[in-house]
Amino acid sequence: MSKLVTPLVLIAAIGTAGCGTTTGERAGSGALMGAAGGALIGSLSADAGAGALIGAGVGAVGGYLYDQHEKGYID
């Protein structure tokens, strides 16, 4: 099953890369990419759920910070 999940997770992450023009959209796409990456990495250590949660949090913060940078609020 994991051999099928890994390519699907990667496709989903690539599909959401660079999505969004608003703060919410960028934070959301960052969370999706982070969750996908976290689940992928977490599956290597047999804890995909925790990896997905951590990745989603990190991705959401990253998407928010990217949005703020694009708007010129932070350097």
PDB file of N, CA and C in Angstrom:
ATOM      1  N   MET A   1       0.810  -1.191   0.000  1.00  0.00           N
ATOM      2  CA  MET A   1       0.000   0.000   0.000  1.00  0.00           C
ATOM      3  C   MET A   1       0.858   1.263   0.000  1.00  0.00           C
ATOM      4  N   SER A   2       1.957   1.263   0.772  1.00  0.00           N
ATOM      5  CA  SER A   2       2.787   2.464   0.848  1.00  0.00           C
ATOM      6  C   SER A   2       3.469   2.763  -0.478  1.00  0.00           C
ATOM      7  N   LYS A   3       3.665   1.748  -1.310  1.00  0.00           N
ATOM      8  CA  LYS A   3       4.266   1.994  -2.618  1.00  0.00           C
ATOM      9  C   LYS A   3       3.320   2.774  -3.515  1.00  0.00           C
ATOM     10  N   LEU A   4       2.028   2.684  -3.261  1.00  0.00           N
ATOM     11  CA  LEU A   4       1.042   3.438  -4.019  1.00  0.00           C
ATOM     12  C   LEU A   4       0.841   4.829  -3.432  1.00  0.00           C
ATOM     13  N   VAL A   5       0.918   4.931  -2.118  1.00  0.00           N
ATOM     14  CA  VAL A   5       0.663   6.206  -1.443  1.00  0.00           C
ATOM     15  C   VAL A   5       1.759   7.217  -1.731  1.00  0.00           C
ATOM     16  N   THR A   6       2.999   6.800  -1.752  1.00  0.00           N
ATOM     17  CA  THR A   6       4.113   7.720  -1.951  1.00  0.00           C
ATOM     18  C   THR A   6       4.006   8.516  -3.252  1.00  0.00           C
ATOM     19  N   PRO A   7       3.765   7.896  -4.397  1.00  0.00           N
ATOM     20  CA  PRO A   7       3.620   8.697  -5.618  1.00  0.00           C
ATOM     21  C   PRO A   7       2.396   9.614  -5.581  1.00  0.00           C
ATOM     22  N   LEU A   8       1.325   9.155  -4.960  1.00  0.00           N
ATOM     23  CA  LEU A   8       0.125   9.994  -4.879  1.00  0.00           C
ATOM     24  C   LEU A   8       0.376  11.229  -4.019  1.00  0.00           C
ATOM     25  N   VAL A   9       1.118  11.060  -2.936  1.00  0.00           N
ATOM     26  CA  VAL A   9       1.450  12.191  -2.077  1.00  0.00           C
ATOM     27  C   VAL A   9       2.320  13.183  -2.832  1.00  0.00           C
ATOM     28  N   LEU A  10       3.283  12.688  -3.573  1.00  0.00           N
ATOM     29  CA  LEU A  10       4.157  13.573  -4.340  1.00  0.00           C
ATOM     30  C   LEU A  10       3.383  14.325  -5.426  1.00  0.00           C
ATOM     31  N   ILE A  11       2.472  13.650  -6.089  1.00  0.00           N
ATOM     32  CA  ILE A  11       1.659  14.310  -7.112  1.00  0.00           C
ATOM     33  C   ILE A  11       0.800  15.398  -6.491  1.00  0.00           C
ATOM     34  N   ALA A  12       0.222  15.122  -5.334  1.00  0.00           N
ATOM     35  CA  ALA A  12      -0.601  16.126  -4.656  1.00  0.00           C
ATOM     36  C   ALA A  12       0.237  17.330  -4.239  1.00  0.00           C
ATOM     37  N   ALA A  13       1.437  17.096  -3.757  1.00  0.00           N
ATOM     38  CA  ALA A  13       2.309  18.195  -3.345  1.00  0.00           C
ATOM     39  C   ALA A  13       2.711  19.062  -4.527  1.00  0.00           C
ATOM     40  N   ILE A  14       3.049  18.421  -5.632  1.00  0.00           N
ATOM     41  CA  ILE A  14       3.436  19.174  -6.823  1.00  0.00           C
ATOM     42  C   ILE A  14       2.247  19.957  -7.376  1.00  0.00           C
ATOM     43  N   GLY A  15       1.066  19.365  -7.297  1.00  0.00           N
ATOM     44  CA  GLY A  15      -0.136  20.019  -7.798  1.00  0.00           C
ATOM     45  C   GLY A  15      -0.514  21.274  -7.031  1.00  0.00           C
ATOM     46  N   THR A  16      -0.152  21.335  -5.758  1.00  0.00           N
ATOM     47  CA  THR A  16      -0.489  22.510  -4.963  1.00  0.00           C
ATOM     48  C   THR A  16       0.659  23.506  -4.860  1.00  0.00           C
ATOM     49  N   ALA A  17       1.794  23.193  -5.412  1.00  0.00           N
ATOM     50  CA  ALA A  17       2.950  24.086  -5.316  1.00  0.00           C
ATOM     51  C   ALA A  17       2.670  25.409  -6.011  1.00  0.00           C
ATOM     52  N   GLY A  18       2.921  26.477  -5.332  1.00  0.00           N
ATOM     53  CA  GLY A  18       2.758  27.806  -5.908  1.00  0.00           C
ATOM     54  C   GLY A  18       1.322  28.269  -6.021  1.00  0.00           C
ATOM     55  N   CYS A  19       0.412  27.582  -5.393  1.00  0.00           N
ATOM     56  CA  CYS A  19      -0.999  27.955  -5.502  1.00  0.00           C
ATOM     57  C   CYS A  19      -1.325  29.082  -4.540  1.00  0.00           C
ATOM     58  N   GLY A  20      -2.161  29.979  -5.004  1.00  0.00           N
ATOM     59  CA  GLY A  20      -2.704  30.986  -4.111  1.00  0.00           C
ATOM     60  C   GLY A  20      -2.216  32.384  -4.388  1.00  0.00           C
ATOM     61  N   THR A  21      -3.119  33.316  -4.175  1.00  0.00           N
ATOM     62  CA  THR A  21      -2.768  34.721  -4.287  1.00  0.00           C
ATOM     63  C   THR A  21      -3.115  35.471  -3.012  1.00  0.00           C
ATOM     64  N   THR A  22      -3.948  34.883  -2.169  1.00  0.00           N
ATOM     65  CA  THR A  22      -4.297  35.521  -0.903  1.00  0.00           C
ATOM     66  C   THR A  22      -3.536  34.848   0.227  1.00  0.00           C
ATOM     67  N   THR A  23      -3.571  35.485   1.385  1.00  0.00           N
ATOM     68  CA  THR A  23      -2.864  34.932   2.542  1.00  0.00           C
ATOM     69  C   THR A  23      -3.391  33.552   2.892  1.00  0.00           C
ATOM     70  N   GLY A  24      -4.702  33.393   2.921  1.00  0.00           N
ATOM     71  CA  GLY A  24      -5.298  32.103   3.266  1.00  0.00           C
ATOM     72  C   GLY A  24      -4.971  31.017   2.264  1.00  0.00           C
ATOM     73  N   GLU A  25      -4.993  31.364   0.990  1.00  0.00           N
ATOM     74  CA  GLU A  25      -4.681  30.374  -0.037  1.00  0.00           C
ATOM     75  C   GLU A  25      -3.227  29.929   0.051  1.00  0.00           C
ATOM     76  N   ARG A  26      -2.335  30.867   0.267  1.00  0.00           N
ATOM     77  CA  ARG A  26      -0.911  30.512   0.353  1.00  0.00           C
ATOM     78  C   ARG A  26      -0.623  29.704   1.608  1.00  0.00           C
ATOM     79  N   ALA A  27      -1.236  30.074   2.719  1.00  0.00           N
ATOM     80  CA  ALA A  27      -1.046  29.295   3.943  1.00  0.00           C
ATOM     81  C   ALA A  27      -1.655  27.911   3.787  1.00  0.00           C
ATOM     82  N   GLY A  28      -2.798  27.826   3.120  1.00  0.00           N
ATOM     83  CA  GLY A  28      -3.438  26.534   2.900  1.00  0.00           C
ATOM     84  C   GLY A  28      -2.637  25.632   1.990  1.00  0.00           C
ATOM     85  N   SER A  29      -2.121  26.182   0.893  1.00  0.00           N
ATOM     86  CA  SER A  29      -1.321  25.343  -0.004  1.00  0.00           C
ATOM     87  C   SER A  29      -0.013  24.950   0.666  1.00  0.00           C
ATOM     88  N   GLY A  30       0.533  25.835   1.482  1.00  0.00           N
ATOM     89  CA  GLY A  30       1.735  25.474   2.244  1.00  0.00           C
ATOM     90  C   GLY A  30       1.453  24.345   3.223  1.00  0.00           C
ATOM     91  N   ALA A  31       0.280  24.404   3.865  1.00  0.00           N
ATOM     92  CA  ALA A  31      -0.090  23.339   4.797  1.00  0.00           C
ATOM     93  C   ALA A  31      -0.264  22.012   4.073  1.00  0.00           C
ATOM     94  N   LEU A  32      -0.874  22.044   2.887  1.00  0.00           N
ATOM     95  CA  LEU A  32      -1.054  20.808   2.128  1.00  0.00           C
ATOM     96  C   LEU A  32       0.283  20.218   1.699  1.00  0.00           C
ATOM     97  N   MET A  33       1.168  21.063   1.220  1.00  0.00           N
ATOM     98  CA  MET A  33       2.485  20.571   0.804  1.00  0.00           C
ATOM     99  C   MET A  33       3.262  20.046   2.008  1.00  0.00           C
ATOM    100  N   GLY A  34       3.167  20.764   3.122  1.00  0.00           N
ATOM    101  CA  GLY A  34       3.859  20.317   4.329  1.00  0.00           C
ATOM    102  C   GLY A  34       3.318  19.002   4.859  1.00  0.00           C
ATOM    103  N   ALA A  35       1.993  18.859   4.819  1.00  0.00           N
ATOM    104  CA  ALA A  35       1.384  17.609   5.281  1.00  0.00           C
ATOM    105  C   ALA A  35       1.806  16.451   4.393  1.00  0.00           C
ATOM    106  N   ALA A  36       1.847  16.680   3.095  1.00  0.00           N
ATOM    107  CA  ALA A  36       2.258  15.626   2.174  1.00  0.00           C
ATOM    108  C   ALA A  36       3.713  15.229   2.427  1.00  0.00           C
ATOM    109  N   GLY A  37       4.567  16.216   2.540  1.00  0.00           N
ATOM    110  CA  GLY A  37       5.975  15.924   2.804  1.00  0.00           C
ATOM    111  C   GLY A  37       6.185  15.284   4.159  1.00  0.00           C
ATOM    112  N   GLY A  38       5.467  15.779   5.163  1.00  0.00           N
ATOM    113  CA  GLY A  38       5.584  15.207   6.500  1.00  0.00           C
ATOM    114  C   GLY A  38       5.097  13.778   6.570  1.00  0.00           C
ATOM    115  N   ALA A  39       4.003  13.484   5.862  1.00  0.00           N
ATOM    116  CA  ALA A  39       3.495  12.114   5.838  1.00  0.00           C
ATOM    117  C   ALA A  39       4.479  11.198   5.135  1.00  0.00           C
ATOM    118  N   LEU A  40       5.077  11.699   4.080  1.00  0.00           N
ATOM    119  CA  LEU A  40       6.055  10.901   3.345  1.00  0.00           C
ATOM    120  C   LEU A  40       7.265  10.594   4.214  1.00  0.00           C
ATOM    121  N   ILE A  41       7.791  11.605   4.869  1.00  0.00           N
ATOM    122  CA  ILE A  41       8.949  11.394   5.739  1.00  0.00           C
ATOM    123  C   ILE A  41       8.561  10.567   6.960  1.00  0.00           C
ATOM    124  N   GLY A  42       7.376  10.860   7.531  1.00  0.00           N
ATOM    125  CA  GLY A  42       6.919  10.103   8.691  1.00  0.00           C
ATOM    126  C   GLY A  42       6.673   8.643   8.391  1.00  0.00           C
ATOM    127  N   SER A  43       6.291   8.326   7.165  1.00  0.00           N
ATOM    128  CA  SER A  43       6.055   6.926   6.815  1.00  0.00           C
ATOM    129  C   SER A  43       7.346   6.119   6.842  1.00  0.00           C
ATOM    130  N   LEU A  44       8.456   6.782   6.672  1.00  0.00           N
ATOM    131  CA  LEU A  44       9.740   6.082   6.747  1.00  0.00           C
ATOM    132  C   LEU A  44      10.060   5.645   8.174  1.00  0.00           C
ATOM    133  N   SER A  45       9.519   6.387   9.152  1.00  0.00           N
ATOM    134  CA  SER A  45       9.745   6.028  10.548  1.00  0.00           C
ATOM    135  C   SER A  45       8.502   5.416  11.179  1.00  0.00           C
ATOM    136  N   ALA A  46       7.557   4.991  10.368  1.00  0.00           N
ATOM    137  CA  ALA A  46       6.333   4.306  10.797  1.00  0.00           C
ATOM    138  C   ALA A  46       5.388   5.204  11.594  1.00  0.00           C
ATOM    139  N   ASP A  47       5.432   6.506  11.378  1.00  0.00           N
ATOM    140  CA  ASP A  47       4.498   7.412  12.047  1.00  0.00           C
ATOM    141  C   ASP A  47       4.089   8.531  11.085  1.00  0.00           C
ATOM    142  N   ALA A  48       3.374   8.155  10.041  1.00  0.00           N
ATOM    143  CA  ALA A  48       2.983   9.111   9.011  1.00  0.00           C
ATOM    144  C   ALA A  48       2.026  10.167   9.546  1.00  0.00           C
ATOM    145  N   GLY A  49       1.171   9.814  10.497  1.00  0.00           N
ATOM    146  CA  GLY A  49       0.204  10.766  11.050  1.00  0.00           C
ATOM    147  C   GLY A  49       0.881  11.929  11.749  1.00  0.00           C
ATOM    148  N   ALA A  50       1.838  11.630  12.591  1.00  0.00           N
ATOM    149  CA  ALA A  50       2.558  12.691  13.295  1.00  0.00           C
ATOM    150  C   ALA A  50       3.359  13.538  12.315  1.00  0.00           C
ATOM    151  N   GLY A  51       3.964  12.891  11.344  1.00  0.00           N
ATOM    152  CA  GLY A  51       4.719  13.628  10.334  1.00  0.00           C
ATOM    153  C   GLY A  51       3.831  14.566   9.549  1.00  0.00           C
ATOM    154  N   ALA A  52       2.618  14.111   9.221  1.00  0.00           N
ATOM    155  CA  ALA A  52       1.679  14.956   8.484  1.00  0.00           C
ATOM    156  C   ALA A  52       1.248  16.159   9.315  1.00  0.00           C
ATOM    157  N   LEU A  53       0.996  15.961  10.593  1.00  0.00           N
ATOM    158  CA  LEU A  53       0.589  17.081  11.459  1.00  0.00           C
ATOM    159  C   LEU A  53       1.702  18.113  11.605  1.00  0.00           C
ATOM    160  N   ILE A  54       2.900  17.634  11.844  1.00  0.00           N
ATOM    161  CA  ILE A  54       4.037  18.550  11.970  1.00  0.00           C
ATOM    162  C   ILE A  54       4.282  19.272  10.654  1.00  0.00           C
ATOM    163  N   GLY A  55       4.252  18.538   9.563  1.00  0.00           N
ATOM    164  CA  GLY A  55       4.465  19.137   8.246  1.00  0.00           C
ATOM    165  C   GLY A  55       3.400  20.157   7.893  1.00  0.00           C
ATOM    166  N   ALA A  56       2.147  19.889   8.256  1.00  0.00           N
ATOM    167  CA  ALA A  56       1.065  20.834   7.975  1.00  0.00           C
ATOM    168  C   ALA A  56       1.274  22.138   8.734  1.00  0.00           C
ATOM    169  N   GLY A  57       1.683  22.040   9.982  1.00  0.00           N
ATOM    170  CA  GLY A  57       1.937  23.244  10.766  1.00  0.00           C
ATOM    171  C   GLY A  57       3.081  24.069  10.213  1.00  0.00           C
ATOM    172  N   VAL A  58       4.161  23.395   9.897  1.00  0.00           N
ATOM    173  CA  VAL A  58       5.328  24.082   9.344  1.00  0.00           C
ATOM    174  C   VAL A  58       4.995  24.673   7.973  1.00  0.00           C
ATOM    175  N   GLY A  59       4.263  23.931   7.161  1.00  0.00           N
ATOM    176  CA  GLY A  59       3.883  24.418   5.838  1.00  0.00           C
ATOM    177  C   GLY A  59       2.963  25.627   5.890  1.00  0.00           C
ATOM    178  N   ALA A  60       2.025  25.625   6.829  1.00  0.00           N
ATOM    179  CA  ALA A  60       1.117  26.762   6.970  1.00  0.00           C
ATOM    180  C   ALA A  60       1.876  28.018   7.375  1.00  0.00           C
ATOM    181  N   VAL A  61       2.787  27.874   8.311  1.00  0.00           N
ATOM    182  CA  VAL A  61       3.597  29.031   8.726  1.00  0.00           C
ATOM    183  C   VAL A  61       4.468  29.496   7.564  1.00  0.00           C
ATOM    184  N   GLY A  62       5.046  28.561   6.843  1.00  0.00           N
ATOM    185  CA  GLY A  62       5.871  28.920   5.696  1.00  0.00           C
ATOM    186  C   GLY A  62       5.075  29.639   4.619  1.00  0.00           C
ATOM    187  N   GLY A  63       3.874  29.158   4.338  1.00  0.00           N
ATOM    188  CA  GLY A  63       3.017  29.819   3.351  1.00  0.00           C
ATOM    189  C   GLY A  63       2.616  31.214   3.776  1.00  0.00           C
ATOM    190  N   TYR A  64       2.331  31.375   5.069  1.00  0.00           N
ATOM    191  CA  TYR A  64       1.976  32.698   5.589  1.00  0.00           C
ATOM    192  C   TYR A  64       3.163  33.654   5.478  1.00  0.00           C
ATOM    193  N   LEU A  65       4.340  33.197   5.865  1.00  0.00           N
ATOM    194  CA  LEU A  65       5.522  34.054   5.789  1.00  0.00           C
ATOM    195  C   LEU A  65       5.869  34.413   4.348  1.00  0.00           C
ATOM    196  N   TYR A  66       5.696  33.461   3.440  1.00  0.00           N
ATOM    197  CA  TYR A  66       5.927  33.747   2.023  1.00  0.00           C
ATOM    198  C   TYR A  66       4.966  34.818   1.531  1.00  0.00           C
ATOM    199  N   ASP A  67       3.707  34.710   1.925  1.00  0.00           N
ATOM    200  CA  ASP A  67       2.714  35.709   1.529  1.00  0.00           C
ATOM    201  C   ASP A  67       3.086  37.093   2.056  1.00  0.00           C
ATOM    202  N   GLN A  68       3.493  37.160   3.302  1.00  0.00           N
ATOM    203  CA  GLN A  68       3.864  38.450   3.889  1.00  0.00           C
ATOM    204  C   GLN A  68       5.090  39.036   3.194  1.00  0.00           C
ATOM    205  N   HIS A  69       6.011  38.190   2.800  1.00  0.00           N
ATOM    206  CA  HIS A  69       7.194  38.647   2.074  1.00  0.00           C
ATOM    207  C   HIS A  69       6.799  39.186   0.699  1.00  0.00           C
ATOM    208  N   GLU A  70       5.921  38.466  -0.003  1.00  0.00           N
ATOM    209  CA  GLU A  70       5.482  38.901  -1.327  1.00  0.00           C
ATOM    210  C   GLU A  70       4.740  40.244  -1.265  1.00  0.00           C
ATOM    211  N   LYS A  71       4.060  40.479  -0.183  1.00  0.00           N
ATOM    212  CA  LYS A  71       3.324  41.743  -0.018  1.00  0.00           C
ATOM    213  C   LYS A  71       4.241  42.870   0.441  1.00  0.00           C
ATOM    214  N   GLY A  72       5.480  42.550   0.785  1.00  0.00           N
ATOM    215  CA  GLY A  72       6.435  43.573   1.170  1.00  0.00           C
ATOM    216  C   GLY A  72       6.396  43.940   2.649  1.00  0.00           C
ATOM    217  N   TYR A  73       5.701  43.142   3.450  1.00  0.00           N
ATOM    218  CA  TYR A  73       5.611  43.446   4.885  1.00  0.00           C
ATOM    219  C   TYR A  73       6.857  43.019   5.640  1.00  0.00           C
ATOM    220  N   ILE A  74       7.533  41.987   5.147  1.00  0.00           N
ATOM    221  CA  ILE A  74       8.781  41.538   5.779  1.00  0.00           C
ATOM    222  C   ILE A  74       9.822  41.340   4.676  1.00  0.00           C
ATOM    223  N   ASP A  75      11.085  41.457   5.058  1.00  0.00           N
ATOM    224  CA  ASP A  75      12.171  41.291   4.086  1.00  0.00           C
ATOM    225  C   ASP A  75      12.691  39.906   4.053  1.00  0.00           C
TER     226      ASP A  75
END
